[in-house]
Amino acid sequence: MSATRFVMPAVPEAREYLDDIADDMVTRFGIPLAEAVARINQHWEGRSFDSEDDLIFHEMPEFWADLLYYGAEARTEDPDADRSGRTPVPAPPKDSPAWTL
């Protein structure tokens, strides 16, 4: 992915990790890449990932994908929980600067 897709400053390792989160959302939830990137940008707007030791790396990409797609309740659920009946949180508004693709 291009470095301009994410709005937050990040070291290369963090950008790769954000790519992994976006790819997971695309694969598991069937959403477009543009929406996955917009969800990431909105969630971490104003944040910077300037170290490869950032706390973001303490969770797997699937954890963050679930959180960004299903909301805060997904943090406390078993990672293998059936979420087929859950409603995703709305994507950022189309006029949001989070949409970079």
Protein backbone atom coordinates (compact mmCIF):
# COMPACT_ATOMS: atom_id res chain seq x y z
CA MET A 1 0.00 0.00 0.00
CA SER A 2 1.08 3.53 -0.61
CA ALA A 3 2.21 5.57 2.38
CA THR A 4 -0.45 8.19 1.57
CA ARG A 5 -3.37 5.88 2.28
CA PHE A 6 -3.02 6.32 6.01
CA VAL A 7 -3.30 9.83 7.41
CA MET A 8 -1.28 9.25 10.55
CA PRO A 9 2.52 9.37 10.67
CA ALA A 10 3.92 5.87 11.11
CA VAL A 11 7.19 3.99 10.90
CA PRO A 12 7.35 1.39 8.09
CA GLU A 13 6.60 -1.49 10.48
CA ALA A 14 3.44 0.25 11.66
CA ARG A 15 2.30 0.99 8.10
CA GLU A 16 2.74 -2.67 7.26
CA TYR A 17 0.73 -3.60 10.36
CA LEU A 18 -2.04 -1.16 9.36
CA ASP A 19 -2.03 -2.81 5.93
CA ASP A 20 -2.50 -6.18 7.65
CA ILE A 21 -5.50 -4.83 9.58
CA ALA A 22 -7.06 -3.43 6.39
CA ASP A 23 -6.44 -6.68 4.52
CA ASP A 24 -8.08 -8.64 7.33
CA MET A 25 -11.21 -6.47 7.18
CA VAL A 26 -11.40 -6.88 3.41
CA THR A 27 -10.99 -10.65 3.61
CA ARG A 28 -13.21 -11.44 6.59
CA PHE A 29 -15.92 -8.81 6.27
CA GLY A 30 -16.02 -8.40 2.49
CA ILE A 31 -15.73 -4.62 2.61
CA PRO A 32 -13.84 -2.57 0.01
CA LEU A 33 -10.23 -1.67 0.77
CA ALA A 34 -11.17 2.03 0.69
CA GLU A 35 -13.63 1.48 3.55
CA ALA A 36 -11.13 -0.54 5.59
CA VAL A 37 -8.53 2.22 5.22
CA ALA A 38 -11.12 4.88 6.10
CA ARG A 39 -12.07 2.99 9.27
CA ILE A 40 -8.39 2.82 10.29
CA ASN A 41 -7.84 6.51 9.52
CA GLN A 42 -10.90 7.57 11.49
CA HIS A 43 -10.06 5.41 14.50
CA TRP A 44 -6.47 6.59 14.81
CA GLU A 45 -6.91 10.15 13.56
CA GLY A 46 -4.42 12.46 15.29
CA ARG A 47 -2.29 9.54 16.47
CA SER A 48 1.21 8.72 15.34
CA PHE A 49 2.95 5.39 15.31
CA ASP A 50 6.57 6.44 15.59
CA SER A 51 7.97 3.29 17.16
CA GLU A 52 7.96 -0.38 16.30
CA ASP A 53 7.30 -0.92 20.03
CA ASP A 54 3.92 0.82 19.95
CA LEU A 55 1.08 -0.73 21.93
CA ILE A 56 -0.82 -1.42 18.72
CA PHE A 57 1.50 -4.38 18.18
CA HIS A 58 0.39 -6.01 21.43
CA GLU A 59 -2.74 -7.28 19.69
CA MET A 60 -3.15 -9.28 16.51
CA PRO A 61 -4.48 -7.52 13.37
CA GLU A 62 -7.72 -9.53 13.71
CA PHE A 63 -8.36 -7.92 17.09
CA TRP A 64 -8.14 -4.43 15.60
CA ALA A 65 -10.18 -5.43 12.55
CA ASP A 66 -12.99 -6.68 14.81
CA LEU A 67 -12.83 -3.54 16.94
CA LEU A 68 -12.90 -1.19 13.94
CA TYR A 69 -15.71 -3.08 12.24
CA TYR A 70 -17.93 -4.15 15.15
CA GLY A 71 -17.12 -1.58 17.80
CA ALA A 72 -15.85 -1.62 21.36
CA GLU A 73 -17.87 -4.67 22.41
CA ALA A 74 -15.72 -6.81 20.13
CA ARG A 75 -12.73 -6.18 22.42
CA THR A 76 -14.20 -8.28 25.21
CA GLU A 77 -15.57 -11.11 23.11
CA ASP A 78 -13.85 -14.37 22.38
CA PRO A 79 -11.95 -13.95 19.09
CA ASP A 80 -13.83 -16.97 17.71
CA ALA A 81 -17.27 -15.68 18.74
CA ASP A 82 -20.05 -15.87 16.16
CA ARG A 83 -20.63 -12.31 15.04
CA SER A 84 -22.89 -13.13 12.10
CA GLY A 85 -25.85 -11.45 13.78
CA ARG A 86 -23.95 -8.32 14.77
CA THR A 87 -24.37 -5.03 12.99
CA PRO A 88 -21.13 -3.29 12.07
CA VAL A 89 -20.53 0.24 13.25
CA PRO A 90 -21.13 2.71 10.42
CA ALA A 91 -18.22 3.53 8.17
CA PRO A 92 -16.96 7.12 8.25
CA PRO A 93 -19.13 9.60 6.33
CA LYS A 94 -18.20 9.80 2.65
CA ASP A 95 -17.13 13.45 3.04
CA SER A 96 -14.71 12.56 5.86
CA PRO A 97 -10.98 13.10 5.32
CA ALA A 98 -10.56 9.48 6.48
CA TRP A 99 -11.38 8.39 2.92
CA THR A 100 -8.08 8.51 1.08
CA LEU A 101 -8.71 5.93 -1.65
